[in-house]
Amino acid sequence: MTAWVLSPVVAFVAVATVATQSRDADLVVRAGAYVERYYDRAQSLLATEVIVVSPLERDMDHDGYRWQMTNEVRFEAGSAAAPPRITRRLLTAKTPALGPPFQNDCLESTSFSVDPLALLLPAQRAKFRFSTGRTETLGGIRTQRIDFNPLVREPADVYWQGKCGIIRSVGSTRGRVWVDPVNGEVHRYHDELPDAVSLPGPPDRNAPRSFTLQRFDTTVDYKRFAFTEPEETLLLPARVESVSAVHGSGVPRIRIVRTFSDYRRFLGSGRLVE
């Protein structure tokens, strides 16, 4: 049997007052302004990234084996008001002894991305409906939750290379962002699929014509890291957890946890700033 692997999320209506809508909009604008500053500052950085990929049982518990790698990650300047470009250099890899023999090729490092905050930028906000949620405390910081929902559903994007399907985009997601209501700093991001998504199968005529993405959710936690030259602290990704479930895939349920540490600056020539 050939296996195919895809890797990576009573009602009522209340009428909001004008004051509430204005307050919601102000908070979203404040968060967007912070993201612009963040993209401007989170450049020329190196970090160590550890990725652990764990296939899961039907009850979403770890099924006993895992795949791990360590990368050097480089954050370089992107275009204006856009996320930094992220490149990776593999340092070490520990592959599992179980599972489909080709699964390591399907979990190569370039299939992972890290920054989802562009939706708060002015050019992207028109694609979403935003509303403020409850106040919550994260790591001792009082935050205000911003909920977002897509206004238009976009199709998923899957790239097939042999038996490996790389999900480049799951289409539209809904989610939440936890921000400091005073300065707009983002402390946590979470998104998930509103409902199941049909994914096109590979061109191989013996392959399934489609797969069903039943779950794909991602949570990013940010923490402060200190730098010198200049001396400053930046809120940067510290931990990213993604869980996916694809009906029909050779590895149907996967948890990916990425942790970032040892952030440091480099100069244009690549020389590190001590």
Protein backbone atom coordinates (compact mmCIF):
# COMPACT_ATOMS: atom_id res chain seq x y z
CA MET A 1 0.00 0.00 0.00
CA THR A 2 1.44 3.37 -1.02
CA ALA A 3 1.50 6.08 1.64
CA TRP A 4 1.32 9.78 0.90
CA VAL A 5 2.50 12.31 3.47
CA LEU A 6 1.39 15.91 3.91
CA SER A 7 3.12 18.03 6.52
CA PRO A 8 2.67 21.52 8.17
CA VAL A 9 -5.65 24.00 11.85
CA VAL A 10 -26.83 28.25 20.64
CA ALA A 11 -25.52 31.46 18.75
CA PHE A 12 -26.63 35.03 19.08
CA VAL A 13 -25.84 38.34 17.43
CA ALA A 14 -25.03 41.44 19.44
CA VAL A 15 -24.96 44.90 17.88
CA ALA A 16 -21.74 46.71 18.74
CA THR A 17 -21.92 50.34 19.71
CA VAL A 18 -20.00 53.01 17.81
CA ALA A 19 -17.75 53.52 20.83
CA THR A 20 -16.91 49.80 20.97
CA GLN A 21 -16.15 49.68 17.26
CA SER A 22 -13.89 52.71 17.58
CA ARG A 23 -12.06 51.18 20.56
CA ASP A 24 -11.56 47.92 18.65
CA ALA A 25 -10.21 49.77 15.62
CA ASP A 26 -7.83 51.86 17.74
CA LEU A 27 -6.34 48.73 19.34
CA VAL A 28 -5.87 47.02 15.97
CA VAL A 29 -4.19 50.13 14.54
CA ARG A 30 -1.91 50.31 17.60
CA ALA A 31 -0.95 46.65 17.16
CA GLY A 32 -0.32 47.21 13.44
CA ALA A 33 1.98 50.14 14.18
CA TYR A 34 3.90 47.93 16.60
CA VAL A 35 4.28 45.19 13.95
CA GLU A 36 5.73 47.73 11.51
CA ARG A 37 8.30 48.78 14.14
CA TYR A 38 8.97 45.14 14.97
CA TYR A 39 9.68 44.24 11.33
CA ASP A 40 12.01 47.23 11.07
CA ARG A 41 14.00 46.14 14.15
CA ALA A 42 13.91 42.32 13.87
CA GLN A 43 16.55 42.24 11.14
CA SER A 44 20.18 41.13 10.89
CA LEU A 45 19.57 38.52 13.58
CA LEU A 46 20.81 34.98 14.07
CA ALA A 47 19.18 32.41 16.35
CA THR A 48 19.35 28.71 17.16
CA GLU A 49 16.15 26.85 16.29
CA VAL A 50 15.33 23.35 17.55
CA ILE A 51 12.48 21.61 15.73
CA VAL A 52 10.82 18.49 17.14
CA VAL A 53 8.29 16.68 14.93
CA SER A 54 6.10 14.14 16.74
CA PRO A 55 3.54 11.94 14.97
CA LEU A 56 0.41 11.57 17.09
CA GLU A 57 -2.12 8.84 17.81
CA ARG A 58 -5.86 9.27 17.19
CA ASP A 59 -6.27 10.71 20.70
CA MET A 60 -3.57 13.29 19.76
CA ASP A 61 -1.09 11.69 22.20
CA HIS A 62 2.54 11.17 21.14
CA ASP A 63 2.91 7.75 19.51
CA GLY A 64 6.48 7.07 20.64
CA TYR A 65 8.92 8.30 18.01
CA ARG A 66 10.02 11.73 16.86
CA TRP A 67 12.17 13.60 14.36
CA GLN A 68 14.44 16.41 15.51
CA MET A 69 16.76 18.91 13.92
CA THR A 70 18.71 22.00 14.93
CA ASN A 71 19.10 24.97 12.58
CA GLU A 72 20.90 28.25 12.52
CA VAL A 73 18.22 30.76 11.52
CA ARG A 74 19.01 34.09 9.88
CA PHE A 75 16.53 37.00 9.89
CA GLU A 76 17.42 39.43 7.10
CA ALA A 77 15.85 42.65 5.91
CA GLY A 78 12.71 42.24 3.82
CA SER A 79 10.85 44.81 1.78
CA ALA A 80 9.23 47.85 3.41
CA ALA A 81 6.56 46.94 5.99
CA ALA A 82 7.09 43.22 5.36
CA PRO A 83 8.37 40.35 7.52
CA PRO A 84 12.13 39.74 7.56
CA ARG A 85 13.39 37.11 5.13
CA ILE A 86 14.15 33.90 7.02
CA THR A 87 16.80 31.42 5.91
CA ARG A 88 17.96 28.27 7.66
CA ARG A 89 21.20 26.28 7.81
CA LEU A 90 20.92 22.73 9.10
CA LEU A 91 23.28 21.99 12.00
CA THR A 92 22.17 18.55 13.21
CA ALA A 93 19.33 16.13 12.47
CA LYS A 94 18.05 13.05 14.29
CA THR A 95 15.65 10.99 12.20
CA PRO A 96 13.09 8.45 13.46
CA ALA A 97 13.53 4.74 12.91
CA LEU A 98 9.81 4.17 12.38
CA GLY A 99 7.22 5.44 9.93
CA PRO A 100 7.20 5.72 6.11
CA PRO A 101 10.79 5.43 4.77
CA PHE A 102 10.53 8.69 2.81
CA GLN A 103 9.00 10.79 5.60
CA ASN A 104 12.25 12.65 6.36
CA ASP A 105 12.19 14.15 2.87
CA CYS A 106 8.67 15.42 3.60
CA LEU A 107 9.76 17.21 6.76
CA GLU A 108 12.70 19.18 5.39
CA SER A 109 13.45 22.48 7.05
CA THR A 110 12.36 24.82 4.26
CA SER A 111 8.74 23.79 4.85
CA PHE A 112 8.66 25.68 8.13
CA SER A 113 7.90 29.39 8.49
CA VAL A 114 7.71 31.50 11.62
CA ASP A 115 6.05 34.90 11.33
CA PRO A 116 2.26 35.35 11.05
CA LEU A 117 1.81 38.98 12.16
CA ALA A 118 1.52 40.58 8.72
CA LEU A 119 -2.29 40.38 8.98
CA LEU A 120 -2.12 43.36 11.36
CA LEU A 121 -0.41 45.59 8.79
CA PRO A 122 -2.56 48.25 7.06
CA ALA A 123 -2.27 46.55 3.66
CA GLN A 124 -3.66 43.27 5.04
CA ARG A 125 -6.27 44.38 7.58
CA ALA A 126 -9.05 44.83 5.00
CA LYS A 127 -9.06 41.04 4.53
CA PHE A 128 -10.19 40.39 8.12
CA ARG A 129 -12.89 41.28 10.62
CA PHE A 130 -11.39 42.22 13.98
CA SER A 131 -12.98 42.42 17.43
CA THR A 132 -11.54 42.69 20.93
CA GLY A 133 -11.91 39.87 23.41
CA ARG A 134 -11.30 39.60 27.10
CA THR A 135 -8.31 40.86 29.06
CA GLU A 136 -5.82 38.14 30.00
CA THR A 137 -2.49 37.99 31.83
CA LEU A 138 0.42 36.30 30.05
CA GLY A 139 3.72 35.96 31.89
CA GLY A 140 2.73 38.72 34.27
CA ILE A 141 1.77 41.09 31.42
CA ARG A 142 -1.80 42.37 31.12
CA THR A 143 -2.91 41.82 27.52
CA GLN A 144 -6.02 42.45 25.46
CA ARG A 145 -7.11 39.74 23.05
CA ILE A 146 -7.88 40.65 19.43
CA ASP A 147 -9.98 38.08 17.55
CA PHE A 148 -9.80 37.92 13.75
CA ASN A 149 -11.85 36.17 11.08
CA PRO A 150 -11.25 36.18 7.31
CA LEU A 151 -13.79 38.07 5.23
CA VAL A 152 -13.12 35.93 2.13
CA ARG A 153 -12.10 32.29 2.07
CA GLU A 154 -8.89 31.64 0.16
CA PRO A 155 -7.93 28.23 -1.27
CA ALA A 156 -5.19 26.07 0.20
CA ASP A 157 -1.87 25.80 -1.64
CA VAL A 158 -0.08 22.42 -1.76
CA TYR A 159 3.18 21.69 -3.54
CA TRP A 160 3.85 18.02 -4.41
CA GLN A 161 7.33 16.59 -4.80
CA GLY A 162 7.05 12.86 -5.36
CA LYS A 163 5.07 11.38 -2.45
CA CYS A 164 5.60 14.49 -0.32
CA GLY A 165 2.97 17.21 -0.12
CA ILE A 166 4.20 20.48 1.38
CA ILE A 167 1.31 22.65 2.57
CA ARG A 168 2.48 26.15 1.71
CA SER A 169 -0.81 27.73 2.76
CA VAL A 170 -3.90 26.27 4.42
CA GLY A 171 -5.98 29.12 3.02
CA SER A 172 -7.91 31.35 5.39
CA THR A 173 -7.65 30.91 9.15
CA ARG A 174 -9.29 32.54 12.14
CA GLY A 175 -7.55 33.23 15.39
CA ARG A 176 -6.49 35.52 18.20
CA VAL A 177 -3.63 37.88 19.01
CA TRP A 178 -2.77 38.92 22.57
CA VAL A 179 -1.40 42.48 22.67
CA ASP A 180 -0.38 45.04 25.25
CA PRO A 181 -3.26 47.55 25.12
CA VAL A 182 -0.92 50.45 25.86
CA ASN A 183 1.79 50.02 23.23
CA GLY A 184 0.41 47.30 20.94
CA GLU A 185 3.22 44.78 21.60
CA VAL A 186 2.24 41.25 20.54
CA HIS A 187 2.85 38.56 23.18
CA ARG A 188 1.02 35.59 21.65
CA TYR A 189 -0.55 34.58 18.36
CA HIS A 190 -2.90 31.66 17.64
CA ASP A 191 -4.76 30.59 14.51
CA GLU A 192 -6.84 27.60 13.42
CA LEU A 193 -8.97 26.34 10.56
CA PRO A 194 -12.61 27.43 10.64
CA ASP A 195 -13.53 24.04 9.14
CA ALA A 196 -12.06 21.15 7.15
CA VAL A 197 -10.25 21.93 3.89
CA SER A 198 -9.91 19.75 0.79
CA LEU A 199 -6.31 19.47 -0.45
CA PRO A 200 -5.50 18.43 -4.04
CA GLY A 201 -3.60 15.18 -4.43
CA PRO A 202 -0.41 14.68 -6.46
CA PRO A 203 -0.43 14.37 -10.26
CA ASP A 204 0.33 10.63 -10.03
CA ARG A 205 -2.74 8.90 -11.44
CA ASN A 206 -2.40 6.10 -8.87
CA ALA A 207 -2.56 8.59 -5.98
CA PRO A 208 -5.66 9.81 -4.15
CA ARG A 209 -7.28 12.74 -5.93
CA SER A 210 -7.61 14.70 -2.70
CA PHE A 211 -6.93 14.70 1.03
CA THR A 212 -8.85 16.37 3.84
CA LEU A 213 -7.09 18.76 6.19
CA GLN A 214 -9.15 18.32 9.35
CA ARG A 215 -7.04 20.41 11.72
CA PHE A 216 -4.22 22.92 11.43
CA ASP A 217 -3.57 25.28 14.32
CA THR A 218 -0.52 27.24 15.33
CA THR A 219 0.46 29.10 18.51
CA VAL A 220 3.43 31.48 18.70
CA ASP A 221 4.72 32.74 22.06
CA TYR A 222 6.99 35.80 22.12
CA LYS A 223 9.48 36.70 24.86
CA ARG A 224 12.05 39.44 25.41
CA PHE A 225 15.65 38.96 24.30
CA ALA A 226 18.42 41.46 25.11
CA PHE A 227 20.91 42.85 22.56
CA THR A 228 23.89 45.18 22.54
CA GLU A 229 25.11 47.70 19.93
CA PRO A 230 22.59 49.14 20.34
CA GLU A 231 21.42 48.03 23.74
CA GLU A 232 17.76 47.10 23.51
CA THR A 233 15.29 44.30 24.11
CA LEU A 234 13.06 42.82 21.45
CA LEU A 235 9.98 40.63 21.69
CA LEU A 236 10.83 37.71 19.41
CA PRO A 237 9.44 34.23 18.74
CA ALA A 238 10.47 31.89 21.56
CA ARG A 239 8.20 28.88 20.95
CA VAL A 240 5.99 27.88 18.02
CA GLU A 241 3.67 24.86 18.24
CA SER A 242 1.65 23.55 15.28
CA VAL A 243 -0.73 20.59 15.20
CA SER A 244 -2.12 19.19 11.95
CA ALA A 245 -4.42 16.32 11.03
CA VAL A 246 -4.73 15.19 7.40
CA HIS A 247 -7.13 12.37 6.58
CA GLY A 248 -5.49 9.94 4.13
CA SER A 249 -1.88 10.99 4.80
CA GLY A 250 0.78 8.38 5.58
CA VAL A 251 1.52 10.37 8.75
CA PRO A 252 -1.97 11.75 9.44
CA ARG A 253 -1.42 13.62 12.72
CA ILE A 254 1.71 15.65 13.49
CA ARG A 255 2.81 18.05 16.22
CA ILE A 256 5.72 20.37 15.40
CA VAL A 257 7.36 22.33 18.23
CA ARG A 258 10.03 24.92 17.45
CA THR A 259 12.02 26.69 20.14
CA PHE A 260 14.32 29.67 19.51
CA SER A 261 17.29 30.69 21.64
CA ASP A 262 20.69 32.41 21.48
CA TYR A 263 19.48 35.39 19.47
CA ARG A 264 22.35 37.66 18.39
CA ARG A 265 23.02 40.33 15.78
CA PHE A 266 25.23 40.13 12.72
CA LEU A 267 26.59 42.88 10.50
CA GLY A 268 26.00 43.12 6.76
CA SER A 269 29.17 41.13 6.13
CA GLY A 270 27.91 38.34 8.36
CA ARG A 271 30.22 39.23 11.28
CA LEU A 272 28.58 38.71 14.65
CA VAL A 273 28.17 41.56 17.11
CA GLU A 274 29.70 40.40 20.40
